[in-house]
Amino acid sequence: MSGEIEAKLDAMGLSLPEAAAPAANYIPFVRVGDVLHVSGQVSMRDGAFITGKLGADLTVEEGAVAARTCALSLLAQVKAACGGDLSRLKRVVKLVGFVNSTTDFTDQPKVINGASDFFVEVLGESGRHARSAVSAGALPLGVAVEIEGIFELQ
């Protein structure tokens, strides 16, 4: 599947970013048996943070794009955890998405759909997952979205 995933990304005009190093006293992922827990990945594009608050600075569509960048970073961490071999990825188990949003903004699920739709587009049925989409009054560095993930490996 590794080659298939990379070919699918290439066909979509996307490439995986480098797996980001941790910014504090934590590690980017922990594997327990066949389950991989990936630390939260923040919205970034071309090396710059995607910042802003949904409901004030960004539209739902812009938020979904930010969530998609988080999904790309999650997949990059999975690749790093698998020693570069994405064929070891069996499925996405769960995503927890945090959306930097105003108190009256209620479309957090539509924002996190950017990540969910990405995983289904790239992985098909194995990209379907359980999910939470949570409002946050603020996120680190003012980013728009942060998403953590749980994955099953082979």
Protein backbone atom coordinates (compact mmCIF):
# COMPACT_ATOMS: atom_id res chain seq x y z
CA MET A 1 0.00 0.00 0.00
CA SER A 2 2.97 2.33 0.53
CA GLY A 3 3.48 2.83 -3.18
CA GLU A 4 -0.28 3.06 -3.68
CA ILE A 5 -0.64 5.79 -1.07
CA GLU A 6 2.24 7.81 -2.45
CA ALA A 7 0.92 7.38 -6.01
CA LYS A 8 -2.54 8.54 -4.90
CA LEU A 9 -1.02 11.60 -3.21
CA ASP A 10 1.01 12.34 -6.33
CA ALA A 11 -2.13 12.09 -8.48
CA MET A 12 -3.79 14.56 -6.11
CA GLY A 13 -0.85 16.94 -6.52
CA LEU A 14 0.20 16.41 -2.90
CA SER A 15 3.33 15.21 -1.17
CA LEU A 16 3.97 14.38 2.45
CA PRO A 17 5.82 16.98 4.48
CA GLU A 18 8.76 15.99 6.63
CA ALA A 19 7.56 14.51 9.91
CA ALA A 20 7.81 17.41 12.36
CA ALA A 21 10.04 17.10 15.40
CA PRO A 22 8.36 17.67 18.77
CA ALA A 23 8.32 21.26 20.01
CA ALA A 24 8.44 20.38 23.73
CA ASN A 25 8.89 17.46 26.12
CA TYR A 26 6.88 14.81 24.25
CA ILE A 27 7.40 12.43 21.36
CA PRO A 28 5.60 12.59 18.00
CA PHE A 29 4.13 9.08 18.24
CA VAL A 30 3.88 6.05 20.51
CA ARG A 31 3.30 2.53 19.28
CA VAL A 32 1.55 0.04 21.57
CA GLY A 33 1.29 -3.32 19.83
CA ASP A 34 -0.38 -2.69 16.49
CA VAL A 35 -1.82 0.66 17.57
CA LEU A 36 -0.02 3.92 16.80
CA HIS A 37 -0.93 7.10 18.69
CA VAL A 38 0.22 10.24 16.87
CA SER A 39 0.55 13.52 18.75
CA GLY A 40 -1.45 16.51 17.60
CA GLN A 41 -0.37 17.97 14.27
CA VAL A 42 -1.07 21.66 13.68
CA SER A 43 -2.24 23.35 10.50
CA MET A 44 0.75 24.28 8.32
CA ARG A 45 1.31 24.95 4.65
CA ASP A 46 4.66 25.53 2.96
CA GLY A 47 6.42 25.77 6.32
CA ALA A 48 4.09 28.45 7.70
CA PHE A 49 1.37 28.05 10.30
CA ILE A 50 -2.23 28.46 9.17
CA THR A 51 -3.54 30.71 11.91
CA GLY A 52 -6.82 32.34 12.80
CA LYS A 53 -10.09 31.74 14.52
CA LEU A 54 -13.02 30.06 12.80
CA GLY A 55 -16.09 32.26 13.03
CA ALA A 56 -13.97 35.43 12.98
CA ASP A 57 -10.93 35.15 10.68
CA LEU A 58 -11.51 32.02 8.61
CA THR A 59 -14.39 30.45 6.71
CA VAL A 60 -15.46 26.84 7.17
CA GLU A 61 -13.85 26.05 3.80
CA GLU A 62 -10.54 27.61 4.87
CA GLY A 63 -10.73 25.65 8.11
CA ALA A 64 -11.30 22.41 6.19
CA VAL A 65 -8.17 23.15 4.13
CA ALA A 66 -6.27 23.68 7.39
CA ALA A 67 -7.58 20.34 8.69
CA ARG A 68 -6.42 18.65 5.50
CA THR A 69 -2.88 19.90 6.14
CA CYS A 70 -3.06 18.34 9.60
CA ALA A 71 -4.05 15.03 7.98
CA LEU A 72 -1.02 15.20 5.67
CA SER A 73 1.21 15.77 8.70
CA LEU A 74 -0.43 12.87 10.55
CA LEU A 75 0.29 10.61 7.58
CA ALA A 76 3.90 11.84 7.53
CA GLN A 77 4.24 10.82 11.19
CA VAL A 78 2.74 7.39 10.42
CA LYS A 79 5.31 6.97 7.65
CA ALA A 80 8.12 7.92 10.06
CA ALA A 81 6.80 5.48 12.68
CA CYS A 82 6.79 2.72 10.04
CA GLY A 83 10.37 3.36 8.96
CA GLY A 84 9.17 4.88 5.68
CA ASP A 85 6.94 1.92 4.78
CA LEU A 86 3.33 3.12 4.54
CA SER A 87 2.25 -0.38 3.47
CA ARG A 88 2.25 -1.15 7.21
CA LEU A 89 -0.72 1.22 7.71
CA LYS A 90 -3.84 -0.91 8.06
CA ARG A 91 -6.45 1.72 8.94
CA VAL A 92 -7.26 5.04 10.56
CA VAL A 93 -8.94 4.25 13.89
CA LYS A 94 -9.79 7.66 15.35
CA LEU A 95 -9.16 11.37 14.89
CA VAL A 96 -9.61 14.05 17.53
CA GLY A 97 -9.79 17.50 15.98
CA PHE A 98 -9.50 20.80 17.82
CA VAL A 99 -10.80 23.91 16.08
CA ASN A 100 -9.73 27.40 17.18
CA SER A 101 -13.17 29.01 17.10
CA THR A 102 -15.39 31.72 18.48
CA THR A 103 -17.92 30.83 21.18
CA ASP A 104 -20.82 31.00 18.73
CA PHE A 105 -19.15 28.92 15.97
CA THR A 106 -20.80 25.49 15.70
CA ASP A 107 -19.40 24.01 12.48
CA GLN A 108 -16.37 22.24 13.99
CA PRO A 109 -17.41 18.93 12.35
CA LYS A 110 -17.46 20.58 8.91
CA VAL A 111 -13.93 21.86 9.52
CA ILE A 112 -12.60 18.46 10.61
CA ASN A 113 -14.28 16.93 7.55
CA GLY A 114 -11.25 18.29 5.68
CA ALA A 115 -9.11 15.64 7.40
CA SER A 116 -11.73 12.88 7.37
CA ASP A 117 -12.45 13.33 3.67
CA PHE A 118 -8.71 13.32 2.93
CA PHE A 119 -8.16 9.96 4.65
CA VAL A 120 -11.11 8.36 2.85
CA GLU A 121 -9.96 9.79 -0.48
CA VAL A 122 -6.43 8.43 -0.01
CA LEU A 123 -7.14 5.16 1.84
CA GLY A 124 -10.69 4.23 0.83
CA GLU A 125 -12.60 2.19 3.41
CA SER A 126 -9.53 1.84 5.63
CA GLY A 127 -9.56 5.64 5.95
CA ARG A 128 -13.00 5.65 7.67
CA HIS A 129 -12.66 6.28 11.38
CA ALA A 130 -14.27 7.29 14.65
CA ARG A 131 -13.93 11.00 15.36
CA SER A 132 -14.40 13.94 17.68
CA ALA A 133 -14.49 17.59 16.61
CA VAL A 134 -14.01 19.99 19.51
CA SER A 135 -14.04 23.77 19.82
CA ALA A 136 -11.03 25.42 21.43
CA GLY A 137 -10.85 29.03 22.55
CA ALA A 138 -7.21 29.10 21.46
CA LEU A 139 -4.61 26.71 20.08
CA PRO A 140 -0.80 26.77 20.24
CA LEU A 141 0.78 29.55 18.19
CA GLY A 142 -2.69 30.72 17.13
CA VAL A 143 -3.11 27.85 14.65
CA ALA A 144 -6.57 27.27 13.24
CA VAL A 145 -6.67 23.47 13.68
CA GLU A 146 -4.85 20.71 15.54
CA ILE A 147 -5.60 17.02 15.03
CA GLU A 148 -4.28 13.92 16.78
CA GLY A 149 -4.79 10.41 15.46
CA ILE A 150 -4.86 6.74 16.30
CA PHE A 151 -3.90 4.26 13.59
CA GLU A 152 -3.74 0.48 13.27
CA LEU A 153 -0.55 -0.96 11.80
CA GLN A 154 0.28 -4.36 10.35
